[in-house]
Amino acid sequence: MGKITKDMTIGEILRTNPNVAPVLLNAGMHCLGCPSAQGESLEEAAMVHGIDVDALMAAIEAV
């Protein structure tokens, strides 16, 4: 699997590693297929949802 970074879109992340979906859902990012998931970075989405992007990245890297 490829390297996931916080400047990737959620769509790119899910294409890179679909096993990340439960991590995002548990973090409160429930709209994985919505247009925002294709256009904003993980860092931007985390900010909108009030999530610490570094903690989220640590959870993603643990998958």
N, C-alpha and C. Protein backbone atom coordinates (compact mmCIF):
# COMPACT_ATOMS: atom_id res chain seq x y z
N MET A 1 0.84 -1.17 0.00
CA MET A 1 0.00 0.00 0.00
C MET A 1 0.89 1.24 0.00
N GLY A 2 0.36 2.29 -0.62
CA GLY A 2 1.11 3.53 -0.71
C GLY A 2 1.11 4.31 0.59
N LYS A 3 1.95 5.31 0.64
CA LYS A 3 2.06 6.19 1.80
C LYS A 3 0.88 7.15 1.83
N ILE A 4 0.26 7.29 2.97
CA ILE A 4 -0.85 8.21 3.15
C ILE A 4 -0.33 9.46 3.85
N THR A 5 -0.71 10.63 3.30
CA THR A 5 -0.31 11.90 3.89
C THR A 5 -1.55 12.73 4.19
N LYS A 6 -1.39 13.74 5.05
CA LYS A 6 -2.54 14.55 5.43
C LYS A 6 -2.96 15.52 4.34
N ASP A 7 -2.15 15.68 3.27
CA ASP A 7 -2.62 16.53 2.19
C ASP A 7 -3.31 15.76 1.07
N MET A 8 -3.50 14.45 1.26
CA MET A 8 -4.28 13.65 0.31
C MET A 8 -5.77 13.86 0.60
N THR A 9 -6.59 13.74 -0.45
CA THR A 9 -8.04 13.79 -0.22
C THR A 9 -8.48 12.47 0.41
N ILE A 10 -9.64 12.49 1.02
CA ILE A 10 -10.18 11.26 1.61
C ILE A 10 -10.38 10.22 0.52
N GLY A 11 -10.83 10.66 -0.65
CA GLY A 11 -10.99 9.73 -1.77
C GLY A 11 -9.67 9.06 -2.14
N GLU A 12 -8.60 9.83 -2.21
CA GLU A 12 -7.27 9.27 -2.53
C GLU A 12 -6.84 8.29 -1.44
N ILE A 13 -7.10 8.66 -0.20
CA ILE A 13 -6.71 7.78 0.92
C ILE A 13 -7.44 6.45 0.82
N LEU A 14 -8.74 6.50 0.55
CA LEU A 14 -9.52 5.26 0.48
C LEU A 14 -9.12 4.41 -0.72
N ARG A 15 -8.70 5.06 -1.81
CA ARG A 15 -8.21 4.28 -2.96
C ARG A 15 -6.85 3.66 -2.63
N THR A 16 -6.05 4.34 -1.84
CA THR A 16 -4.74 3.84 -1.44
C THR A 16 -4.87 2.68 -0.46
N ASN A 17 -5.78 2.84 0.52
CA ASN A 17 -5.99 1.79 1.52
C ASN A 17 -7.43 1.84 2.02
N PRO A 18 -8.31 1.02 1.45
CA PRO A 18 -9.71 1.00 1.85
C PRO A 18 -9.92 0.64 3.32
N ASN A 19 -8.94 0.02 3.95
CA ASN A 19 -9.06 -0.37 5.36
C ASN A 19 -9.04 0.83 6.30
N VAL A 20 -8.78 2.02 5.77
CA VAL A 20 -8.77 3.24 6.57
C VAL A 20 -10.20 3.73 6.84
N ALA A 21 -11.17 3.27 6.06
CA ALA A 21 -12.56 3.73 6.20
C ALA A 21 -13.08 3.65 7.64
N PRO A 22 -12.92 2.51 8.35
CA PRO A 22 -13.42 2.47 9.73
C PRO A 22 -12.76 3.50 10.65
N VAL A 23 -11.50 3.81 10.42
CA VAL A 23 -10.80 4.82 11.23
C VAL A 23 -11.46 6.18 11.03
N LEU A 24 -11.73 6.52 9.77
CA LEU A 24 -12.36 7.80 9.47
C LEU A 24 -13.79 7.85 10.03
N LEU A 25 -14.52 6.75 9.87
CA LEU A 25 -15.89 6.71 10.40
C LEU A 25 -15.89 6.86 11.92
N ASN A 26 -14.98 6.17 12.60
CA ASN A 26 -14.90 6.28 14.06
C ASN A 26 -14.50 7.67 14.52
N ALA A 27 -13.80 8.41 13.66
CA ALA A 27 -13.39 9.77 13.99
C ALA A 27 -14.52 10.78 13.75
N GLY A 28 -15.62 10.32 13.15
CA GLY A 28 -16.75 11.21 12.91
C GLY A 28 -16.86 11.71 11.48
N MET A 29 -16.03 11.18 10.60
CA MET A 29 -16.10 11.56 9.18
C MET A 29 -16.99 10.54 8.47
N HIS A 30 -18.29 10.81 8.48
CA HIS A 30 -19.27 9.84 7.99
C HIS A 30 -19.58 9.97 6.51
N CYS A 31 -19.15 11.02 5.88
CA CYS A 31 -19.50 11.24 4.47
C CYS A 31 -18.30 10.92 3.58
N LEU A 32 -17.90 9.67 3.58
CA LEU A 32 -16.70 9.28 2.84
C LEU A 32 -16.87 9.36 1.33
N GLY A 33 -18.10 9.27 0.85
CA GLY A 33 -18.32 9.31 -0.58
C GLY A 33 -18.87 10.64 -1.08
N CYS A 34 -19.01 11.63 -0.21
CA CYS A 34 -19.59 12.90 -0.62
C CYS A 34 -18.58 13.71 -1.44
N PRO A 35 -19.04 14.73 -2.14
CA PRO A 35 -18.13 15.54 -2.97
C PRO A 35 -16.96 16.13 -2.19
N SER A 36 -17.18 16.49 -0.94
CA SER A 36 -16.08 17.06 -0.15
C SER A 36 -14.94 16.07 0.01
N ALA A 37 -15.27 14.78 0.09
CA ALA A 37 -14.25 13.75 0.26
C ALA A 37 -13.33 13.68 -0.95
N GLN A 38 -13.80 14.17 -2.08
CA GLN A 38 -12.99 14.15 -3.30
C GLN A 38 -12.23 15.46 -3.51
N GLY A 39 -12.61 16.50 -2.76
CA GLY A 39 -12.03 17.80 -3.04
C GLY A 39 -11.21 18.42 -1.92
N GLU A 40 -11.38 17.95 -0.68
CA GLU A 40 -10.61 18.57 0.40
C GLU A 40 -9.63 17.55 0.98
N SER A 41 -8.55 18.07 1.48
CA SER A 41 -7.52 17.20 2.05
C SER A 41 -7.97 16.64 3.39
N LEU A 42 -7.29 15.62 3.85
CA LEU A 42 -7.57 15.07 5.16
C LEU A 42 -7.38 16.14 6.22
N GLU A 43 -6.36 16.96 6.06
CA GLU A 43 -6.11 18.03 7.03
C GLU A 43 -7.27 19.02 7.07
N GLU A 44 -7.78 19.39 5.89
CA GLU A 44 -8.92 20.31 5.83
C GLU A 44 -10.17 19.67 6.45
N ALA A 45 -10.42 18.40 6.13
CA ALA A 45 -11.58 17.71 6.67
C ALA A 45 -11.48 17.59 8.19
N ALA A 46 -10.30 17.30 8.69
CA ALA A 46 -10.10 17.20 10.13
C ALA A 46 -10.40 18.54 10.80
N MET A 47 -9.95 19.63 10.19
CA MET A 47 -10.20 20.95 10.75
C MET A 47 -11.70 21.24 10.80
N VAL A 48 -12.42 20.92 9.72
CA VAL A 48 -13.86 21.15 9.66
C VAL A 48 -14.58 20.34 10.74
N HIS A 49 -14.10 19.12 11.00
CA HIS A 49 -14.74 18.25 11.98
C HIS A 49 -14.19 18.43 13.40
N GLY A 50 -13.23 19.34 13.58
CA GLY A 50 -12.67 19.58 14.90
C GLY A 50 -11.83 18.43 15.42
N ILE A 51 -11.12 17.76 14.50
CA ILE A 51 -10.31 16.59 14.83
C ILE A 51 -8.83 16.96 14.73
N ASP A 52 -8.04 16.48 15.67
CA ASP A 52 -6.59 16.68 15.63
C ASP A 52 -6.02 15.81 14.50
N VAL A 53 -5.52 16.44 13.45
CA VAL A 53 -5.06 15.70 12.28
C VAL A 53 -3.88 14.79 12.60
N ASP A 54 -3.02 15.19 13.53
CA ASP A 54 -1.88 14.34 13.87
C ASP A 54 -2.33 13.07 14.59
N ALA A 55 -3.32 13.19 15.47
CA ALA A 55 -3.88 12.00 16.13
C ALA A 55 -4.56 11.11 15.10
N LEU A 56 -5.26 11.71 14.16
CA LEU A 56 -5.93 10.94 13.11
C LEU A 56 -4.90 10.23 12.24
N MET A 57 -3.82 10.91 11.89
CA MET A 57 -2.77 10.28 11.09
C MET A 57 -2.15 9.10 11.84
N ALA A 58 -1.98 9.23 13.14
CA ALA A 58 -1.42 8.13 13.94
C ALA A 58 -2.36 6.93 13.89
N ALA A 59 -3.66 7.17 13.97
CA ALA A 59 -4.64 6.07 13.89
C ALA A 59 -4.63 5.44 12.49
N ILE A 60 -4.49 6.25 11.47
CA ILE A 60 -4.45 5.72 10.09
C ILE A 60 -3.19 4.89 9.90
N GLU A 61 -2.06 5.37 10.40
CA GLU A 61 -0.80 4.64 10.23
C GLU A 61 -0.80 3.32 10.98
N ALA A 62 -1.67 3.19 11.99
CA ALA A 62 -1.75 1.95 12.77
C ALA A 62 -2.55 0.86 12.05
N VAL A 63 -3.23 1.24 10.96
CA VAL A 63 -4.06 0.26 10.22
C VAL A 63 -3.18 -0.71 9.48
